[in-house]
Amino acid sequence: MKRRNLLAGLIAGPVASRAAFAVATPTAPMLDRAQSQAFRDWFTLLIHTQIERGPTPRWTHRDCAGLVRFAVAETLREHDLDWKRANSMLGTRVPPDIAKPQALALRNGWRRVDGSRDAYVGALELVQENTRFTGKELTQAQAGDLLFFDLGDEQHLMVWMGRYIAYHTGRSTPTDNGLRALRASQLLEWTDTRWRPAADNPNFSGLYRLSFLAR
């Protein structure tokens, strides 16, 4: 994903860049702890489902940021019988829904660098304007946290799922849907060191948590 002309200095480090990240505003309410846990449970369940069953046709922008946007939008919708039937989840044990007022205020309302809100943001703007930095050690991660890699001209997102890391490569073919599920230990030994989620990797900017989730 190509870098846009956004706020400078993201890669300079968490202390320098933290002020650039948006906090919740009256139009983007904070979820309480119980709702934040329900969000994390839905978010990771939906990503796991994509990996297990393959991408749903309703997920149209198939890249790393598209996976996050899709899973967030689906998490914040009403999961009625029609939705469960369409997603083959009838009879499946699922988390409680997010309260409707908060869900409606957050769904498809990503903050853009100019302060407006939109259904679309790329990886850099998603992180820069819609998350808060939590650290560079995987031991600090909670399910649903984002791993952000900055290569200068390209950025990449992965999702900490609790027991593994999920992401989309940004490419798909008839024989490869682009989805990946890897253990942290696998990535920490990855041959291409740019993709190691380690504190000493300059391309690994760190872990970021969606700003509307409780701390």
C-alpha atoms as a PDB file:
ATOM      1  CA  MET A   1       0.000   0.000   0.000  1.00  0.00           C
ATOM      2  CA  LYS A   2       1.555   3.277  -1.086  1.00  0.00           C
ATOM      3  CA  ARG A   3       2.301   5.972   1.430  1.00  0.00           C
ATOM      4  CA  ARG A   4       0.017   8.993   1.315  1.00  0.00           C
ATOM      5  CA  ASN A   5       1.107  12.497   2.198  1.00  0.00           C
ATOM      6  CA  LEU A   6      -0.112  12.275   5.770  1.00  0.00           C
ATOM      7  CA  LEU A   7       1.340  13.471   9.034  1.00  0.00           C
ATOM      8  CA  ALA A   8       5.119  13.095   8.931  1.00  0.00           C
ATOM      9  CA  GLY A   9       7.204  11.200  11.421  1.00  0.00           C
ATOM     10  CA  LEU A  10       5.205   8.015  11.990  1.00  0.00           C
ATOM     11  CA  ILE A  11       8.252   5.849  11.654  1.00  0.00           C
ATOM     12  CA  ALA A  12      10.327   8.090  13.937  1.00  0.00           C
ATOM     13  CA  GLY A  13       9.123   6.089  16.939  1.00  0.00           C
ATOM     14  CA  PRO A  14       6.165   5.689  19.270  1.00  0.00           C
ATOM     15  CA  VAL A  15       6.917   8.702  21.463  1.00  0.00           C
ATOM     16  CA  ALA A  16       7.223  11.098  18.527  1.00  0.00           C
ATOM     17  CA  SER A  17       4.235   9.707  16.673  1.00  0.00           C
ATOM     18  CA  ARG A  18       1.779   8.992  19.453  1.00  0.00           C
ATOM     19  CA  ALA A  19       0.297  12.499  19.354  1.00  0.00           C
ATOM     20  CA  ALA A  20      -0.657  11.894  15.741  1.00  0.00           C
ATOM     21  CA  PHE A  21      -3.053   9.124  16.656  1.00  0.00           C
ATOM     22  CA  ALA A  22      -6.670  10.031  17.132  1.00  0.00           C
ATOM     23  CA  VAL A  23      -8.486   9.483  20.390  1.00  0.00           C
ATOM     24  CA  ALA A  24     -12.189   8.842  20.620  1.00  0.00           C
ATOM     25  CA  THR A  25     -14.390  11.861  19.980  1.00  0.00           C
ATOM     26  CA  PRO A  26     -18.115  12.456  20.620  1.00  0.00           C
ATOM     27  CA  THR A  27     -18.767  10.999  17.156  1.00  0.00           C
ATOM     28  CA  ALA A  28     -16.605   7.946  17.918  1.00  0.00           C
ATOM     29  CA  PRO A  29     -17.622   6.744  21.398  1.00  0.00           C
ATOM     30  CA  MET A  30     -15.425   4.612  23.597  1.00  0.00           C
ATOM     31  CA  LEU A  31     -16.729   1.136  24.264  1.00  0.00           C
ATOM     32  CA  ASP A  32     -16.768   0.010  27.883  1.00  0.00           C
ATOM     33  CA  ARG A  33     -14.806  -3.044  28.970  1.00  0.00           C
ATOM     34  CA  ALA A  34     -17.612  -5.532  28.399  1.00  0.00           C
ATOM     35  CA  GLN A  35     -18.407  -4.162  24.946  1.00  0.00           C
ATOM     36  CA  SER A  36     -14.700  -3.989  24.093  1.00  0.00           C
ATOM     37  CA  GLN A  37     -14.371  -7.680  24.926  1.00  0.00           C
ATOM     38  CA  ALA A  38     -17.439  -8.481  22.808  1.00  0.00           C
ATOM     39  CA  PHE A  39     -15.882  -6.484  19.968  1.00  0.00           C
ATOM     40  CA  ARG A  40     -12.582  -8.382  20.229  1.00  0.00           C
ATOM     41  CA  ASP A  41     -14.428 -11.713  20.295  1.00  0.00           C
ATOM     42  CA  TRP A  42     -16.476 -10.860  17.180  1.00  0.00           C
ATOM     43  CA  PHE A  43     -13.547  -9.268  15.348  1.00  0.00           C
ATOM     44  CA  THR A  44     -11.266 -12.267  15.763  1.00  0.00           C
ATOM     45  CA  LEU A  45     -14.089 -14.748  15.110  1.00  0.00           C
ATOM     46  CA  LEU A  46     -14.873 -13.074  11.789  1.00  0.00           C
ATOM     47  CA  ILE A  47     -11.234 -13.030  10.702  1.00  0.00           C
ATOM     48  CA  HIS A  48     -10.832 -16.660  11.761  1.00  0.00           C
ATOM     49  CA  THR A  49     -13.911 -17.524   9.707  1.00  0.00           C
ATOM     50  CA  GLN A  50     -12.387 -15.914   6.610  1.00  0.00           C
ATOM     51  CA  ILE A  51      -9.246 -17.981   7.075  1.00  0.00           C
ATOM     52  CA  GLU A  52     -11.115 -21.209   7.802  1.00  0.00           C
ATOM     53  CA  ARG A  53     -13.764 -20.975   5.068  1.00  0.00           C
ATOM     54  CA  GLY A  54     -12.240 -18.581   2.566  1.00  0.00           C
ATOM     55  CA  PRO A  55     -13.166 -14.943   1.838  1.00  0.00           C
ATOM     56  CA  THR A  56     -16.844 -14.093   1.691  1.00  0.00           C
ATOM     57  CA  PRO A  57     -17.933 -12.334  -1.537  1.00  0.00           C
ATOM     58  CA  ARG A  58     -19.071  -9.401   0.629  1.00  0.00           C
ATOM     59  CA  TRP A  59     -15.428  -8.642   1.436  1.00  0.00           C
ATOM     60  CA  THR A  60     -14.515  -6.623  -1.639  1.00  0.00           C
ATOM     61  CA  HIS A  61     -11.211  -4.815  -0.882  1.00  0.00           C
ATOM     62  CA  ARG A  62      -8.940  -7.774  -0.312  1.00  0.00           C
ATOM     63  CA  ASP A  63      -5.733  -6.543   1.200  1.00  0.00           C
ATOM     64  CA  CYS A  64      -4.387  -6.179   4.734  1.00  0.00           C
ATOM     65  CA  ALA A  65      -6.310  -2.995   5.597  1.00  0.00           C
ATOM     66  CA  GLY A  66      -9.374  -4.312   3.779  1.00  0.00           C
ATOM     67  CA  LEU A  67      -9.430  -7.330   6.094  1.00  0.00           C
ATOM     68  CA  VAL A  68      -9.443  -5.039   9.142  1.00  0.00           C
ATOM     69  CA  ARG A  69     -12.106  -2.706   7.709  1.00  0.00           C
ATOM     70  CA  PHE A  70     -14.324  -5.629   6.726  1.00  0.00           C
ATOM     71  CA  ALA A  71     -14.042  -7.362  10.105  1.00  0.00           C
ATOM     72  CA  VAL A  72     -14.718  -4.125  12.001  1.00  0.00           C
ATOM     73  CA  ALA A  73     -17.781  -3.302   9.877  1.00  0.00           C
ATOM     74  CA  GLU A  74     -19.157  -6.834  10.275  1.00  0.00           C
ATOM     75  CA  THR A  75     -18.487  -6.800  14.014  1.00  0.00           C
ATOM     76  CA  LEU A  76     -20.463  -3.583  14.451  1.00  0.00           C
ATOM     77  CA  ARG A  77     -23.554  -4.698  12.541  1.00  0.00           C
ATOM     78  CA  GLU A  78     -26.617  -6.502  13.883  1.00  0.00           C
ATOM     79  CA  HIS A  79     -26.155 -10.261  13.729  1.00  0.00           C
ATOM     80  CA  ASP A  80     -29.770 -11.297  13.272  1.00  0.00           C
ATOM     81  CA  LEU A  81     -31.064 -14.636  11.994  1.00  0.00           C
ATOM     82  CA  ASP A  82     -30.752 -13.565   8.376  1.00  0.00           C
ATOM     83  CA  TRP A  83     -27.117 -12.599   8.907  1.00  0.00           C
ATOM     84  CA  LYS A  84     -26.357 -15.839  10.753  1.00  0.00           C
ATOM     85  CA  ARG A  85     -28.055 -17.870   8.031  1.00  0.00           C
ATOM     86  CA  ALA A  86     -26.152 -16.060   5.272  1.00  0.00           C
ATOM     87  CA  ASN A  87     -22.873 -16.609   7.131  1.00  0.00           C
ATOM     88  CA  SER A  88     -23.538 -20.257   8.051  1.00  0.00           C
ATOM     89  CA  MET A  89     -23.567 -19.412  11.754  1.00  0.00           C
ATOM     90  CA  LEU A  90     -26.982 -20.724  12.724  1.00  0.00           C
ATOM     91  CA  GLY A  91     -26.442 -22.753  15.856  1.00  0.00           C
ATOM     92  CA  THR A  92     -22.961 -21.334  16.335  1.00  0.00           C
ATOM     93  CA  ARG A  93     -22.154 -19.865  19.732  1.00  0.00           C
ATOM     94  CA  VAL A  94     -21.351 -16.195  19.144  1.00  0.00           C
ATOM     95  CA  PRO A  95     -20.509 -13.190  21.348  1.00  0.00           C
ATOM     96  CA  PRO A  96     -23.137 -10.609  22.316  1.00  0.00           C
ATOM     97  CA  ASP A  97     -23.715  -7.761  19.876  1.00  0.00           C
ATOM     98  CA  ILE A  98     -22.321  -4.301  20.527  1.00  0.00           C
ATOM     99  CA  ALA A  99     -25.001  -1.927  21.801  1.00  0.00           C
ATOM    100  CA  LYS A 100     -26.762  -0.409  18.804  1.00  0.00           C
ATOM    101  CA  PRO A 101     -26.121   3.322  19.478  1.00  0.00           C
ATOM    102  CA  GLN A 102     -22.375   2.763  19.851  1.00  0.00           C
ATOM    103  CA  ALA A 103     -22.220   0.367  16.909  1.00  0.00           C
ATOM    104  CA  LEU A 104     -24.029   2.776  14.587  1.00  0.00           C
ATOM    105  CA  ALA A 105     -21.749   5.641  15.607  1.00  0.00           C
ATOM    106  CA  LEU A 106     -18.610   3.602  14.914  1.00  0.00           C
ATOM    107  CA  ARG A 107     -19.501   1.482  11.892  1.00  0.00           C
ATOM    108  CA  ASN A 108     -17.947   2.708   8.630  1.00  0.00           C
ATOM    109  CA  GLY A 109     -16.762   5.861  10.405  1.00  0.00           C
ATOM    110  CA  TRP A 110     -12.982   5.753  10.087  1.00  0.00           C
ATOM    111  CA  ARG A 111     -11.291   9.033  10.883  1.00  0.00           C
ATOM    112  CA  ARG A 112      -9.350  10.575   7.985  1.00  0.00           C
ATOM    113  CA  VAL A 113      -6.344  12.840   8.359  1.00  0.00           C
ATOM    114  CA  ASP A 114      -8.470  15.912   7.571  1.00  0.00           C
ATOM    115  CA  GLY A 115     -10.810  15.086  10.479  1.00  0.00           C
ATOM    116  CA  SER A 116     -13.636  13.763   8.293  1.00  0.00           C
ATOM    117  CA  ARG A 117     -15.016  10.243   8.622  1.00  0.00           C
ATOM    118  CA  ASP A 118     -15.383   7.696   5.873  1.00  0.00           C
ATOM    119  CA  ALA A 119     -15.883   3.967   5.235  1.00  0.00           C
ATOM    120  CA  TYR A 120     -12.424   3.741   3.649  1.00  0.00           C
ATOM    121  CA  VAL A 121      -8.925   4.283   5.007  1.00  0.00           C
ATOM    122  CA  GLY A 122      -5.660   2.721   3.919  1.00  0.00           C
ATOM    123  CA  ALA A 123      -3.271   0.958   6.295  1.00  0.00           C
ATOM    124  CA  LEU A 124      -1.278   4.067   7.243  1.00  0.00           C
ATOM    125  CA  GLU A 125      -4.295   6.287   7.837  1.00  0.00           C
ATOM    126  CA  LEU A 126      -6.111   3.492   9.656  1.00  0.00           C
ATOM    127  CA  VAL A 127      -3.291   3.229  12.162  1.00  0.00           C
ATOM    128  CA  GLN A 128      -2.298   6.880  12.257  1.00  0.00           C
ATOM    129  CA  GLU A 129      -5.788   8.242  12.852  1.00  0.00           C
ATOM    130  CA  ASN A 130      -7.727   5.402  14.489  1.00  0.00           C
ATOM    131  CA  THR A 131      -5.483   3.586  16.958  1.00  0.00           C
ATOM    132  CA  ARG A 132      -3.202   4.127  19.900  1.00  0.00           C
ATOM    133  CA  PHE A 133       0.283   2.696  20.343  1.00  0.00           C
ATOM    134  CA  THR A 134       0.585  -0.032  22.994  1.00  0.00           C
ATOM    135  CA  GLY A 135       4.176  -1.236  22.652  1.00  0.00           C
ATOM    136  CA  LYS A 136       6.553  -3.386  20.614  1.00  0.00           C
ATOM    137  CA  GLU A 137       6.490  -6.591  22.671  1.00  0.00           C
ATOM    138  CA  LEU A 138       3.992  -9.280  21.694  1.00  0.00           C
ATOM    139  CA  THR A 139       3.472 -10.022  25.390  1.00  0.00           C
ATOM    140  CA  GLN A 140       1.617  -6.671  25.520  1.00  0.00           C
ATOM    141  CA  ALA A 141      -0.888  -7.675  22.828  1.00  0.00           C
ATOM    142  CA  GLN A 142      -4.577  -8.319  23.313  1.00  0.00           C
ATOM    143  CA  ALA A 143      -6.678 -10.190  20.776  1.00  0.00           C
ATOM    144  CA  GLY A 144      -7.618  -7.815  17.976  1.00  0.00           C
ATOM    145  CA  ASP A 145      -4.557  -5.593  18.293  1.00  0.00           C
ATOM    146  CA  LEU A 146      -2.863  -4.607  15.044  1.00  0.00           C
ATOM    147  CA  LEU A 147       0.770  -5.189  14.136  1.00  0.00           C
ATOM    148  CA  PHE A 148       2.014  -2.384  11.903  1.00  0.00           C
ATOM    149  CA  PHE A 149       4.998  -2.659   9.584  1.00  0.00           C
ATOM    150  CA  ASP A 150       6.368   0.409   7.789  1.00  0.00           C
ATOM    151  CA  LEU A 151       8.768  -0.155   4.883  1.00  0.00           C
ATOM    152  CA  GLY A 152       8.874   3.495   3.835  1.00  0.00           C
ATOM    153  CA  ASP A 153       6.917   3.377   0.580  1.00  0.00           C
ATOM    154  CA  GLU A 154       4.648   0.559   1.751  1.00  0.00           C
ATOM    155  CA  GLN A 155       2.856  -0.294   4.963  1.00  0.00           C
ATOM    156  CA  HIS A 156       1.370  -3.563   6.138  1.00  0.00           C
ATOM    157  CA  LEU A 157      -1.071  -4.644   8.849  1.00  0.00           C
ATOM    158  CA  MET A 158      -1.409  -7.934  10.674  1.00  0.00           C
ATOM    159  CA  VAL A 159      -3.854  -8.901  13.436  1.00  0.00           C
ATOM    160  CA  TRP A 160      -2.967 -10.535  16.733  1.00  0.00           C
ATOM    161  CA  MET A 161      -5.578 -13.257  17.164  1.00  0.00           C
ATOM    162  CA  GLY A 162      -4.566 -14.404  20.623  1.00  0.00           C
ATOM    163  CA  ARG A 163      -2.995 -17.692  19.575  1.00  0.00           C
ATOM    164  CA  TYR A 164      -1.710 -16.718  16.140  1.00  0.00           C
ATOM    165  CA  ILE A 165      -1.233 -13.807  13.741  1.00  0.00           C
ATOM    166  CA  ALA A 166      -3.510 -13.306  10.724  1.00  0.00           C
ATOM    167  CA  TYR A 167      -3.114 -11.117   7.671  1.00  0.00           C
ATOM    168  CA  HIS A 168      -3.785 -10.758   3.972  1.00  0.00           C
ATOM    169  CA  THR A 169      -0.834 -10.525   1.610  1.00  0.00           C
ATOM    170  CA  GLY A 170      -2.562  -8.019  -0.678  1.00  0.00           C
ATOM    171  CA  ARG A 171      -2.472 -10.479  -3.559  1.00  0.00           C
ATOM    172  CA  SER A 172      -4.754 -13.338  -4.525  1.00  0.00           C
ATOM    173  CA  THR A 173      -4.864 -15.907  -7.305  1.00  0.00           C
ATOM    174  CA  PRO A 174      -7.248 -18.724  -8.239  1.00  0.00           C
ATOM    175  CA  THR A 175      -5.190 -21.041  -6.018  1.00  0.00           C
ATOM    176  CA  ASP A 176      -4.212 -18.630  -3.223  1.00  0.00           C
ATOM    177  CA  ASN A 177      -6.708 -16.323  -1.505  1.00  0.00           C
ATOM    178  CA  GLY A 178      -3.914 -14.317   0.124  1.00  0.00           C
ATOM    179  CA  LEU A 179      -4.935 -15.079   3.721  1.00  0.00           C
ATOM    180  CA  ARG A 180      -2.299 -16.261   6.161  1.00  0.00           C
ATOM    181  CA  ALA A 181      -2.361 -17.608   9.716  1.00  0.00           C
ATOM    182  CA  LEU A 182       1.049 -17.978  11.381  1.00  0.00           C
ATOM    183  CA  ARG A 183       2.302 -18.549  14.887  1.00  0.00           C
ATOM    184  CA  ALA A 184       4.316 -15.693  16.368  1.00  0.00           C
ATOM    185  CA  SER A 185       7.304 -18.025  16.605  1.00  0.00           C
ATOM    186  CA  GLN A 186       7.159 -18.573  12.839  1.00  0.00           C
ATOM    187  CA  LEU A 187       7.240 -14.864  12.078  1.00  0.00           C
ATOM    188  CA  LEU A 188       9.985 -14.217  14.612  1.00  0.00           C
ATOM    189  CA  GLU A 189      12.166 -16.613  12.609  1.00  0.00           C
ATOM    190  CA  TRP A 190      11.034 -15.364   9.183  1.00  0.00           C
ATOM    191  CA  THR A 191      13.823 -15.351   6.603  1.00  0.00           C
ATOM    192  CA  ASP A 192      12.877 -11.851   5.426  1.00  0.00           C
ATOM    193  CA  THR A 193      13.677 -10.008   8.649  1.00  0.00           C
ATOM    194  CA  ARG A 194      11.520  -7.006   7.675  1.00  0.00           C
ATOM    195  CA  TRP A 195       8.453  -8.981   8.753  1.00  0.00           C
ATOM    196  CA  ARG A 196       9.643 -10.090  12.172  1.00  0.00           C
ATOM    197  CA  PRO A 197       7.420  -8.598  14.929  1.00  0.00           C
ATOM    198  CA  ALA A 198      10.413  -7.928  17.139  1.00  0.00           C
ATOM    199  CA  ALA A 199      11.342  -4.783  19.056  1.00  0.00           C
ATOM    200  CA  ASP A 200      14.737  -4.638  17.345  1.00  0.00           C
ATOM    201  CA  ASN A 201      13.226  -4.680  13.840  1.00  0.00           C
ATOM    202  CA  PRO A 202      13.153  -1.062  12.564  1.00  0.00           C
ATOM    203  CA  ASN A 203      10.375  -1.962  10.109  1.00  0.00           C
ATOM    204  CA  PHE A 204       8.090  -3.137  12.919  1.00  0.00           C
ATOM    205  CA  SER A 205       6.453   0.024  14.239  1.00  0.00           C
ATOM    206  CA  GLY A 206       4.685  -1.902  16.992  1.00  0.00           C
ATOM    207  CA  LEU A 207       1.302  -2.905  18.322  1.00  0.00           C
ATOM    208  CA  TYR A 208      -1.688  -0.613  17.952  1.00  0.00           C
ATOM    209  CA  ARG A 209      -5.145  -0.853  19.505  1.00  0.00           C
ATOM    210  CA  LEU A 210      -8.298   0.563  17.953  1.00  0.00           C
ATOM    211  CA  SER A 211      -8.890   3.828  19.760  1.00  0.00           C
ATOM    212  CA  PHE A 212     -12.522   3.147  20.678  1.00  0.00           C
ATOM    213  CA  LEU A 213     -11.614   0.061  22.732  1.00  0.00           C
ATOM    214  CA  ALA A 214     -11.220   0.258  26.496  1.00  0.00           C
ATOM    215  CA  ARG A 215      -7.650   0.223  27.742  1.00  0.00           C
END
